Amino acid sequence: MFVGTFEHSLDDKGRVVLPSTFRAQLLERGYLAQWDRCLGLWTEEAFRAASDRLTDRIRDGQVPQGALRAFAANAAEVRPDSQGRITIPQRLREFAGLGRDAVVIGAIDRIEIWEAGRWNDQSPLADDSLIHAVTALGL
């Protein structure tokens, strides 16, 4: 399970250090893909589960086939190096608007990597969504 918020910088090679609390779950490899205005990073098992859910929604006619194409075609297998860094491919850095400053957050079943400014804009909206969900669900 991935939780927490961490501020990091990308180096000149497009690498970001994963928080030490996340590394143990991604020792061998992870899958990095476009997500909701950010990048999602999953373990192999969680990436397969996300892909299966997306495939099921396509079969049910809830999501167009192009969504799976974009998800898979733009995904990249990443392997943390000995210092816990992953290299983010240029096309994915461009999609997420990543420059130097990034925010790495835990999102339970995945890690999200945000451009710092986008995260600063998104974070209050996420807080409001949580308040709504807690109220609606009576948690």
N, C-alpha and C. Protein backbone atom coordinates (compact mmCIF):
# COMPACT_ATOMS: atom_id res chain seq x y z
N MET A 1 0.85 -1.16 0.00
CA MET A 1 0.00 0.00 0.00
C MET A 1 0.91 1.24 0.00
N PHE A 2 0.54 2.20 -0.82
CA PHE A 2 1.33 3.42 -0.96
C PHE A 2 0.58 4.59 -0.34
N VAL A 3 1.22 5.28 0.62
CA VAL A 3 0.63 6.46 1.25
C VAL A 3 1.72 7.50 1.51
N GLY A 4 1.31 8.75 1.61
CA GLY A 4 2.23 9.83 1.94
C GLY A 4 2.47 10.76 0.77
N THR A 5 3.06 11.92 1.07
CA THR A 5 3.39 12.94 0.09
C THR A 5 4.86 13.31 0.26
N PHE A 6 5.60 13.34 -0.86
CA PHE A 6 7.04 13.58 -0.81
C PHE A 6 7.42 14.52 -1.93
N GLU A 7 8.19 15.55 -1.62
CA GLU A 7 8.67 16.48 -2.63
C GLU A 7 10.05 16.03 -3.08
N HIS A 8 10.22 15.94 -4.40
CA HIS A 8 11.48 15.49 -4.98
C HIS A 8 11.81 16.33 -6.21
N SER A 9 13.03 16.20 -6.67
CA SER A 9 13.45 16.87 -7.91
C SER A 9 13.87 15.83 -8.91
N LEU A 10 13.62 16.13 -10.18
CA LEU A 10 14.15 15.30 -11.26
C LEU A 10 15.55 15.78 -11.56
N ASP A 11 16.43 14.84 -11.87
CA ASP A 11 17.78 15.24 -12.26
C ASP A 11 17.82 15.51 -13.76
N ASP A 12 18.99 15.84 -14.27
CA ASP A 12 19.13 16.19 -15.69
C ASP A 12 18.83 15.04 -16.63
N LYS A 13 18.85 13.81 -16.12
CA LYS A 13 18.56 12.63 -16.94
C LYS A 13 17.09 12.20 -16.83
N GLY A 14 16.27 13.00 -16.15
CA GLY A 14 14.86 12.67 -16.01
C GLY A 14 14.59 11.60 -14.98
N ARG A 15 15.48 11.48 -13.99
CA ARG A 15 15.29 10.47 -12.94
C ARG A 15 14.74 11.14 -11.69
N VAL A 16 13.91 10.38 -10.98
CA VAL A 16 13.38 10.83 -9.70
C VAL A 16 13.63 9.72 -8.68
N VAL A 17 13.96 10.13 -7.47
CA VAL A 17 14.18 9.18 -6.39
C VAL A 17 12.82 8.81 -5.80
N LEU A 18 12.57 7.53 -5.70
CA LEU A 18 11.35 7.07 -5.05
C LEU A 18 11.54 7.12 -3.54
N PRO A 19 10.52 7.51 -2.80
CA PRO A 19 10.62 7.49 -1.35
C PRO A 19 11.00 6.09 -0.86
N SER A 20 11.81 6.03 0.17
CA SER A 20 12.28 4.74 0.66
C SER A 20 11.13 3.83 1.08
N THR A 21 10.04 4.41 1.56
CA THR A 21 8.90 3.59 1.97
C THR A 21 8.22 2.90 0.79
N PHE A 22 8.45 3.39 -0.43
CA PHE A 22 7.83 2.80 -1.62
C PHE A 22 8.74 1.77 -2.29
N ARG A 23 10.02 1.89 -2.07
CA ARG A 23 10.99 1.07 -2.82
C ARG A 23 10.83 -0.43 -2.61
N ALA A 24 10.53 -0.84 -1.41
CA ALA A 24 10.44 -2.27 -1.11
C ALA A 24 9.39 -2.97 -1.97
N GLN A 25 8.36 -2.24 -2.36
CA GLN A 25 7.30 -2.84 -3.17
C GLN A 25 7.63 -2.85 -4.67
N LEU A 26 8.67 -2.14 -5.04
CA LEU A 26 9.05 -2.04 -6.45
C LEU A 26 10.49 -2.49 -6.68
N LEU A 27 10.94 -3.47 -5.92
CA LEU A 27 12.33 -3.91 -6.02
C LEU A 27 12.70 -4.36 -7.43
N GLU A 28 11.87 -5.16 -8.04
CA GLU A 28 12.19 -5.71 -9.36
C GLU A 28 11.86 -4.74 -10.47
N ARG A 29 10.61 -4.29 -10.52
CA ARG A 29 10.18 -3.38 -11.58
C ARG A 29 8.81 -2.82 -11.25
N GLY A 30 8.47 -1.77 -11.99
CA GLY A 30 7.15 -1.18 -11.89
C GLY A 30 6.72 -0.76 -13.28
N TYR A 31 5.49 -0.32 -13.39
CA TYR A 31 4.96 0.14 -14.68
C TYR A 31 4.47 1.57 -14.52
N LEU A 32 5.00 2.42 -15.36
CA LEU A 32 4.72 3.85 -15.33
C LEU A 32 3.84 4.18 -16.53
N ALA A 33 2.75 4.93 -16.30
CA ALA A 33 1.83 5.24 -17.39
C ALA A 33 1.17 6.59 -17.15
N GLN A 34 0.59 7.11 -18.22
CA GLN A 34 -0.20 8.33 -18.12
C GLN A 34 -1.36 8.07 -17.17
N TRP A 35 -1.69 9.10 -16.39
CA TRP A 35 -2.81 8.97 -15.48
C TRP A 35 -3.55 10.30 -15.49
N ASP A 36 -4.18 10.66 -14.45
CA ASP A 36 -5.04 11.84 -14.37
C ASP A 36 -4.20 13.11 -14.18
N ARG A 37 -3.70 13.67 -15.30
CA ARG A 37 -2.84 14.87 -15.30
C ARG A 37 -1.51 14.64 -14.59
N CYS A 38 -1.18 13.38 -14.33
CA CYS A 38 0.06 13.02 -13.66
C CYS A 38 0.50 11.68 -14.24
N LEU A 39 1.49 11.06 -13.61
CA LEU A 39 1.91 9.71 -13.99
C LEU A 39 1.55 8.76 -12.87
N GLY A 40 1.10 7.58 -13.24
CA GLY A 40 0.85 6.52 -12.28
C GLY A 40 1.96 5.50 -12.35
N LEU A 41 2.36 4.99 -11.21
CA LEU A 41 3.39 3.96 -11.13
C LEU A 41 2.82 2.81 -10.31
N TRP A 42 2.75 1.64 -10.93
CA TRP A 42 2.15 0.46 -10.30
C TRP A 42 3.17 -0.67 -10.18
N THR A 43 2.93 -1.55 -9.21
CA THR A 43 3.62 -2.83 -9.20
C THR A 43 3.09 -3.62 -10.40
N GLU A 44 3.75 -4.68 -10.75
CA GLU A 44 3.27 -5.49 -11.88
C GLU A 44 1.86 -6.01 -11.62
N GLU A 45 1.62 -6.48 -10.43
CA GLU A 45 0.30 -7.03 -10.09
C GLU A 45 -0.79 -5.95 -10.16
N ALA A 46 -0.51 -4.79 -9.64
CA ALA A 46 -1.51 -3.71 -9.64
C ALA A 46 -1.72 -3.16 -11.06
N PHE A 47 -0.66 -3.13 -11.88
CA PHE A 47 -0.80 -2.67 -13.26
C PHE A 47 -1.68 -3.63 -14.05
N ARG A 48 -1.49 -4.92 -13.81
CA ARG A 48 -2.32 -5.93 -14.47
C ARG A 48 -3.78 -5.77 -14.03
N ALA A 49 -4.01 -5.52 -12.75
CA ALA A 49 -5.38 -5.34 -12.26
C ALA A 49 -6.02 -4.09 -12.86
N ALA A 50 -5.26 -2.99 -12.97
CA ALA A 50 -5.79 -1.76 -13.58
C ALA A 50 -6.11 -2.01 -15.06
N SER A 51 -5.24 -2.71 -15.75
CA SER A 51 -5.46 -3.04 -17.16
C SER A 51 -6.69 -3.92 -17.33
N ASP A 52 -6.86 -4.88 -16.43
CA ASP A 52 -8.03 -5.76 -16.48
C ASP A 52 -9.32 -4.97 -16.25
N ARG A 53 -9.31 -4.05 -15.29
CA ARG A 53 -10.50 -3.23 -15.04
C ARG A 53 -10.84 -2.38 -16.25
N LEU A 54 -9.81 -1.81 -16.87
CA LEU A 54 -10.03 -0.99 -18.06
C LEU A 54 -10.58 -1.85 -19.20
N THR A 55 -10.03 -3.03 -19.39
CA THR A 55 -10.51 -3.95 -20.43
C THR A 55 -11.97 -4.33 -20.18
N ASP A 56 -12.31 -4.59 -18.92
CA ASP A 56 -13.71 -4.92 -18.59
C ASP A 56 -14.65 -3.78 -18.95
N ARG A 57 -14.23 -2.55 -18.68
CA ARG A 57 -15.07 -1.38 -18.99
C ARG A 57 -15.23 -1.20 -20.50
N ILE A 58 -14.21 -1.56 -21.26
CA ILE A 58 -14.31 -1.49 -22.73
C ILE A 58 -15.31 -2.53 -23.21
N ARG A 59 -15.22 -3.73 -22.68
CA ARG A 59 -16.16 -4.80 -23.07
C ARG A 59 -17.61 -4.42 -22.74
N ASP A 60 -17.78 -3.70 -21.64
CA ASP A 60 -19.12 -3.27 -21.22
C ASP A 60 -19.60 -2.04 -21.98
N GLY A 61 -18.74 -1.47 -22.82
CA GLY A 61 -19.10 -0.30 -23.60
C GLY A 61 -19.06 1.01 -22.82
N GLN A 62 -18.45 0.99 -21.66
CA GLN A 62 -18.37 2.19 -20.82
C GLN A 62 -17.19 3.09 -21.18
N VAL A 63 -16.19 2.51 -21.84
CA VAL A 63 -14.95 3.22 -22.16
C VAL A 63 -14.57 2.87 -23.59
N PRO A 64 -14.11 3.85 -24.38
CA PRO A 64 -13.70 3.52 -25.75
C PRO A 64 -12.38 2.73 -25.80
N GLN A 65 -12.22 1.94 -26.84
CA GLN A 65 -11.03 1.10 -27.04
C GLN A 65 -9.74 1.93 -27.01
N GLY A 66 -9.83 3.17 -27.48
CA GLY A 66 -8.65 4.02 -27.52
C GLY A 66 -8.03 4.26 -26.16
N ALA A 67 -8.83 4.17 -25.11
CA ALA A 67 -8.30 4.38 -23.76
C ALA A 67 -7.26 3.31 -23.41
N LEU A 68 -7.57 2.06 -23.74
CA LEU A 68 -6.62 0.98 -23.47
C LEU A 68 -5.37 1.13 -24.34
N ARG A 69 -5.57 1.52 -25.58
CA ARG A 69 -4.42 1.75 -26.47
C ARG A 69 -3.48 2.80 -25.88
N ALA A 70 -4.05 3.93 -25.46
CA ALA A 70 -3.22 5.00 -24.91
C ALA A 70 -2.54 4.56 -23.62
N PHE A 71 -3.28 3.85 -22.78
CA PHE A 71 -2.73 3.38 -21.51
C PHE A 71 -1.53 2.47 -21.74
N ALA A 72 -1.68 1.50 -22.62
CA ALA A 72 -0.63 0.51 -22.86
C ALA A 72 0.51 1.07 -23.72
N ALA A 73 0.17 1.79 -24.78
CA ALA A 73 1.20 2.26 -25.70
C ALA A 73 2.14 3.27 -25.06
N ASN A 74 1.65 4.02 -24.11
CA ASN A 74 2.48 5.04 -23.48
C ASN A 74 3.08 4.60 -22.15
N ALA A 75 2.82 3.35 -21.77
CA ALA A 75 3.38 2.83 -20.52
C ALA A 75 4.84 2.44 -20.71
N ALA A 76 5.56 2.43 -19.60
CA ALA A 76 6.97 2.04 -19.64
C ALA A 76 7.28 1.18 -18.41
N GLU A 77 8.03 0.12 -18.63
CA GLU A 77 8.53 -0.67 -17.51
C GLU A 77 9.74 0.07 -16.94
N VAL A 78 9.76 0.25 -15.64
CA VAL A 78 10.87 0.94 -14.99
C VAL A 78 11.43 0.05 -13.89
N ARG A 79 12.73 0.20 -13.69
CA ARG A 79 13.43 -0.55 -12.65
C ARG A 79 14.23 0.42 -11.79
N PRO A 80 13.94 0.48 -10.50
CA PRO A 80 14.72 1.36 -9.65
C PRO A 80 16.20 0.96 -9.65
N ASP A 81 17.07 1.96 -9.68
CA ASP A 81 18.51 1.67 -9.62
C ASP A 81 18.92 1.50 -8.16
N SER A 82 20.20 1.34 -7.90
CA SER A 82 20.69 1.08 -6.55
C SER A 82 20.42 2.24 -5.59
N GLN A 83 20.16 3.43 -6.13
CA GLN A 83 19.86 4.59 -5.30
C GLN A 83 18.35 4.86 -5.21
N GLY A 84 17.54 3.95 -5.76
CA GLY A 84 16.09 4.08 -5.69
C GLY A 84 15.51 5.04 -6.70
N ARG A 85 16.26 5.34 -7.76
CA ARG A 85 15.76 6.27 -8.79
C ARG A 85 15.16 5.48 -9.95
N ILE A 86 14.13 6.08 -10.54
CA ILE A 86 13.60 5.55 -11.80
C ILE A 86 13.76 6.64 -12.85
N THR A 87 13.98 6.21 -14.08
CA THR A 87 14.07 7.15 -15.20
C THR A 87 12.69 7.27 -15.82
N ILE A 88 12.23 8.51 -15.95
CA ILE A 88 10.93 8.77 -16.56
C ILE A 88 11.15 9.12 -18.02
N PRO A 89 10.63 8.33 -18.95
CA PRO A 89 10.82 8.63 -20.38
C PRO A 89 10.33 10.04 -20.72
N GLN A 90 10.99 10.64 -21.71
CA GLN A 90 10.67 12.01 -22.11
C GLN A 90 9.19 12.20 -22.43
N ARG A 91 8.59 11.27 -23.18
CA ARG A 91 7.18 11.44 -23.56
C ARG A 91 6.27 11.49 -22.34
N LEU A 92 6.61 10.74 -21.30
CA LEU A 92 5.80 10.76 -20.08
C LEU A 92 6.07 12.02 -19.27
N ARG A 93 7.32 12.50 -19.26
CA ARG A 93 7.61 13.77 -18.59
C ARG A 93 6.82 14.90 -19.25
N GLU A 94 6.75 14.88 -20.58
CA GLU A 94 5.99 15.91 -21.29
C GLU A 94 4.50 15.83 -20.97
N PHE A 95 3.95 14.62 -20.97
CA PHE A 95 2.53 14.45 -20.66
C PHE A 95 2.20 15.04 -19.29
N ALA A 96 3.03 14.76 -18.30
CA ALA A 96 2.77 15.20 -16.93
C ALA A 96 3.24 16.63 -16.66
N GLY A 97 3.92 17.25 -17.64
CA GLY A 97 4.42 18.60 -17.44
C GLY A 97 5.57 18.67 -16.46
N LEU A 98 6.30 17.55 -16.32
CA LEU A 98 7.37 17.50 -15.33
C LEU A 98 8.59 18.30 -15.79
N GLY A 99 9.05 19.15 -14.92
CA GLY A 99 10.29 19.87 -15.11
C GLY A 99 11.25 19.42 -14.03
N ARG A 100 11.61 20.33 -13.17
CA ARG A 100 12.56 20.01 -12.10
C ARG A 100 11.86 19.52 -10.82
N ASP A 101 10.80 20.21 -10.42
CA ASP A 101 10.16 19.90 -9.14
C ASP A 101 8.98 18.96 -9.32
N ALA A 102 8.96 17.92 -8.51
CA ALA A 102 7.91 16.92 -8.58
C ALA A 102 7.41 16.61 -7.18
N VAL A 103 6.19 16.13 -7.12
CA VAL A 103 5.61 15.64 -5.88
C VAL A 103 5.24 14.19 -6.14
N VAL A 104 5.70 13.31 -5.26
CA VAL A 104 5.43 11.88 -5.36
C VAL A 104 4.46 11.54 -4.23
N ILE A 105 3.29 11.03 -4.60
CA ILE A 105 2.29 10.72 -3.57
C ILE A 105 1.90 9.25 -3.63
N GLY A 106 1.50 8.74 -2.49
CA GLY A 106 0.92 7.42 -2.43
C GLY A 106 -0.57 7.52 -2.69
N ALA A 107 -1.10 6.65 -3.53
CA ALA A 107 -2.53 6.63 -3.85
C ALA A 107 -3.08 5.22 -3.65
N ILE A 108 -2.71 4.61 -2.55
CA ILE A 108 -3.12 3.28 -2.11
C ILE A 108 -2.57 2.17 -3.02
N ASP A 109 -3.13 1.99 -4.23
CA ASP A 109 -2.69 0.90 -5.10
C ASP A 109 -1.64 1.33 -6.11
N ARG A 110 -1.27 2.61 -6.11
CA ARG A 110 -0.28 3.12 -7.06
C ARG A 110 0.43 4.31 -6.44
N ILE A 111 1.49 4.70 -7.09
CA ILE A 111 2.20 5.93 -6.78
C ILE A 111 1.82 6.92 -7.87
N GLU A 112 1.65 8.18 -7.53
CA GLU A 112 1.43 9.21 -8.54
C GLU A 112 2.59 10.19 -8.48
N ILE A 113 3.04 10.59 -9.67
CA ILE A 113 4.12 11.57 -9.78
C ILE A 113 3.54 12.80 -10.46
N TRP A 114 3.55 13.90 -9.74
CA TRP A 114 2.93 15.15 -10.19
C TRP A 114 3.98 16.23 -10.39
N GLU A 115 3.76 17.08 -11.37
CA GLU A 115 4.50 18.33 -11.46
C GLU A 115 4.05 19.14 -10.26
N ALA A 116 4.97 19.77 -9.55
CA ALA A 116 4.66 20.41 -8.27
C ALA A 116 3.53 21.43 -8.37
N GLY A 117 3.52 22.26 -9.40
CA GLY A 117 2.46 23.25 -9.56
C GLY A 117 1.10 22.62 -9.78
N ARG A 118 1.06 21.56 -10.59
CA ARG A 118 -0.21 20.86 -10.81
C ARG A 118 -0.72 20.25 -9.51
N TRP A 119 0.21 19.66 -8.72
CA TRP A 119 -0.22 19.07 -7.46
C TRP A 119 -0.76 20.15 -6.52
N ASN A 120 -0.11 21.30 -6.48
CA ASN A 120 -0.58 22.39 -5.62
C ASN A 120 -1.98 22.83 -6.02
N ASP A 121 -2.30 22.77 -7.31
CA ASP A 121 -3.65 23.09 -7.78
C ASP A 121 -4.64 21.97 -7.46
N GLN A 122 -4.19 20.74 -7.57
CA GLN A 122 -5.05 19.56 -7.41
C GLN A 122 -5.32 19.23 -5.95
N SER A 123 -4.37 19.45 -5.09
CA SER A 123 -4.46 19.02 -3.70
C SER A 123 -5.71 19.55 -2.98
N PRO A 124 -6.05 20.84 -3.08
CA PRO A 124 -7.29 21.30 -2.42
C PRO A 124 -8.55 20.64 -2.98
N LEU A 125 -8.56 20.34 -4.28
CA LEU A 125 -9.71 19.66 -4.88
C LEU A 125 -9.83 18.25 -4.33
N ALA A 126 -8.69 17.58 -4.15
CA ALA A 126 -8.70 16.24 -3.58
C ALA A 126 -9.21 16.28 -2.14
N ASP A 127 -8.80 17.30 -1.39
CA ASP A 127 -9.29 17.45 -0.02
C ASP A 127 -10.81 17.59 0.00
N ASP A 128 -11.34 18.43 -0.89
CA ASP A 128 -12.79 18.62 -0.98
C ASP A 128 -13.50 17.32 -1.35
N SER A 129 -12.89 16.56 -2.26
CA SER A 129 -13.48 15.27 -2.67
C SER A 129 -13.54 14.31 -1.48
N LEU A 130 -12.51 14.31 -0.66
CA LEU A 130 -12.49 13.44 0.51
C LEU A 130 -13.58 13.84 1.49
N ILE A 131 -13.71 15.13 1.73
CA ILE A 131 -14.76 15.61 2.64
C ILE A 131 -16.13 15.16 2.14
N HIS A 132 -16.38 15.31 0.85
CA HIS A 132 -17.65 14.89 0.25
C HIS A 132 -17.86 13.38 0.42
N ALA A 133 -16.82 12.60 0.12
CA ALA A 133 -16.93 11.14 0.20
C ALA A 133 -17.18 10.69 1.64
N VAL A 134 -16.48 11.27 2.59
CA VAL A 134 -16.65 10.90 3.99
C VAL A 134 -18.09 11.18 4.44
N THR A 135 -18.59 12.36 4.04
CA THR A 135 -19.96 12.74 4.39
C THR A 135 -20.98 11.81 3.72
N ALA A 136 -20.82 11.60 2.41
CA ALA A 136 -21.78 10.78 1.65
C ALA A 136 -21.79 9.34 2.12
N LEU A 137 -20.63 8.81 2.48
CA LEU A 137 -20.55 7.41 2.88
C LEU A 137 -20.72 7.21 4.38
N GLY A 138 -20.76 8.31 5.13
CA GLY A 138 -20.92 8.21 6.57
C GLY A 138 -19.74 7.58 7.27
N LEU A 139 -18.56 7.85 6.78
CA LEU A 139 -17.36 7.25 7.39
C LEU A 139 -16.93 7.98 8.63
